[in-house]
Amino acid sequence: MLRDSDVLTEIMNRIRDIEANGRSEVTGSIEAIVFANLPIPGQPGRSFFITNGRKIGEGAGAGTGVSAYDDGVAWNRYSDDTVVAA
């Protein structure tokens, strides 16, 4: 089982790769990330599963996760194109 510090290190390494290359090298799946660790939007086309992102009807701090994309300005939910909140 991975320690939290190992998971965080892996996430940060992948974020650095995305920032350096403009894309993730993950193949066949979507990368999971916590809302607070999302890279700044501005590279349209990137996608993440935000593990604590809120679906419609979920309260602040009670998000169960959403798939989201970078539109160049903000991280938006695929389900309804609204800005993601945690």
Protein backbone atom coordinates (compact mmCIF):
# COMPACT_ATOMS: atom_id res chain seq x y z
CA MET A 1 0.00 0.00 0.00
CA LEU A 2 1.30 3.45 -0.91
CA ARG A 3 1.88 6.04 1.77
CA ASP A 4 0.18 9.42 1.39
CA SER A 5 3.57 11.05 0.80
CA ASP A 6 4.29 8.61 -2.07
CA VAL A 7 0.92 9.32 -3.66
CA LEU A 8 1.45 13.07 -3.33
CA THR A 9 4.91 12.76 -4.87
CA GLU A 10 3.51 10.81 -7.81
CA ILE A 11 0.73 13.35 -8.34
CA MET A 12 3.17 16.26 -8.23
CA ASN A 13 5.49 14.48 -10.70
CA ARG A 14 2.61 13.99 -13.10
CA ILE A 15 1.52 17.62 -12.73
CA ARG A 16 5.08 18.75 -13.52
CA ASP A 17 5.03 16.48 -16.60
CA ILE A 18 1.73 18.00 -17.70
CA GLU A 19 3.00 21.53 -17.18
CA ALA A 20 6.23 20.76 -19.06
CA ASN A 21 4.69 18.78 -21.92
CA GLY A 22 1.18 20.19 -22.08
CA ARG A 23 -0.35 16.76 -21.61
CA SER A 24 -0.37 13.74 -19.38
CA GLU A 25 1.37 10.55 -20.41
CA VAL A 26 -1.31 8.40 -18.80
CA THR A 27 -2.79 6.07 -21.42
CA GLY A 28 -6.20 4.43 -21.31
CA SER A 29 -7.44 6.17 -18.20
CA ILE A 30 -8.05 9.56 -16.72
CA GLU A 31 -5.79 10.82 -13.97
CA ALA A 32 -7.30 11.41 -10.51
CA ILE A 33 -6.41 14.49 -8.48
CA VAL A 34 -7.69 16.42 -5.46
CA PHE A 35 -9.24 19.82 -6.25
CA ALA A 36 -6.62 21.75 -4.25
CA ASN A 37 -3.83 20.18 -6.33
CA LEU A 38 -5.24 21.01 -9.75
CA PRO A 39 -2.82 22.84 -12.01
CA ILE A 40 -3.81 26.36 -12.98
CA PRO A 41 -6.16 26.24 -15.99
CA GLY A 42 -4.86 27.59 -19.26
CA GLN A 43 -4.01 24.55 -21.37
CA PRO A 44 -7.29 23.57 -23.03
CA GLY A 45 -7.94 19.88 -23.48
CA ARG A 46 -6.44 18.55 -20.26
CA SER A 47 -8.71 16.26 -18.24
CA PHE A 48 -8.75 14.99 -14.67
CA PHE A 49 -11.05 13.12 -12.37
CA ILE A 50 -11.30 15.51 -9.42
CA THR A 51 -11.80 13.18 -6.48
CA ASN A 52 -13.56 15.72 -4.26
CA GLY A 53 -15.27 17.73 -7.00
CA ARG A 54 -18.98 18.32 -6.43
CA LYS A 55 -21.78 16.94 -8.53
CA ILE A 56 -25.07 18.82 -8.82
CA GLY A 57 -26.74 18.82 -5.40
CA GLU A 58 -23.64 17.98 -3.35
CA GLY A 59 -22.74 20.39 -0.56
CA ALA A 60 -19.46 22.23 0.03
CA GLY A 61 -16.78 19.84 1.23
CA ALA A 62 -18.95 16.82 0.41
CA GLY A 63 -18.03 16.24 -3.24
CA THR A 64 -17.83 12.64 -4.39
CA GLY A 65 -15.86 13.33 -7.57
CA VAL A 66 -16.37 14.59 -11.12
CA SER A 67 -14.60 14.34 -14.45
CA ALA A 68 -13.45 17.76 -15.58
CA TYR A 69 -11.63 19.47 -18.42
CA ASP A 70 -9.53 22.60 -18.79
CA ASP A 71 -11.23 25.05 -21.17
CA GLY A 72 -8.33 27.49 -20.99
CA VAL A 73 -9.93 29.61 -18.28
CA ALA A 74 -11.34 27.22 -15.66
CA TRP A 75 -11.84 23.56 -14.80
CA ASN A 76 -15.34 22.54 -15.92
CA ARG A 77 -17.44 19.47 -15.25
CA TYR A 78 -18.05 17.36 -18.33
CA SER A 79 -21.61 16.71 -17.17
CA ASP A 80 -22.88 20.28 -17.51
CA ASP A 81 -19.93 22.56 -18.39
CA THR A 82 -20.06 24.46 -15.10
CA VAL A 83 -16.94 25.40 -13.13
CA VAL A 84 -15.84 22.70 -10.67
CA ALA A 85 -16.10 23.36 -6.93
CA ALA A 86 -14.96 21.23 -4.00
